[in-house]
Amino acid sequence: MGWFDCVETRRVLATNQVDIICITKADVLSHLDSVKYGRTYTIDDQKYYDSIPHYIDTNQLLSIERSTSYELKEDISSIQDSNALPDSYKQYFEDLLKELQWE
């Protein structure tokens, strides 16, 4: 499993006029050593925050700015209320939604 791509998610949210975000299967995150999300792409010193070019020349240098690592080791498979999530999960989702500029 890779990192969560905020750049493409921002584009999808804007393009499709999304009203609500639903995060499912969050319990699988506890099986990973650490979790990050991609914040921006940089291609040849130009930052892309909301979308990336559809064609990237193989000679162009692409880098991805990622968030800090989150360790989400607690088993949340039996939790049914988001208020009962451990603080580490709450912080990850709060930071992720802030990164997406989701109100």
Foldseek 3Di string as FASTA:
>chain_A
DAAAELQAVLQVCVVVVDDDDDDPPPQCLLVDQWYKHWQWKAKQNDIRGNYDDPDDDPPIDIDTDIDDIQNQNDRCPPPDDPVPGPPSVVVVVVVSCVSSVHD
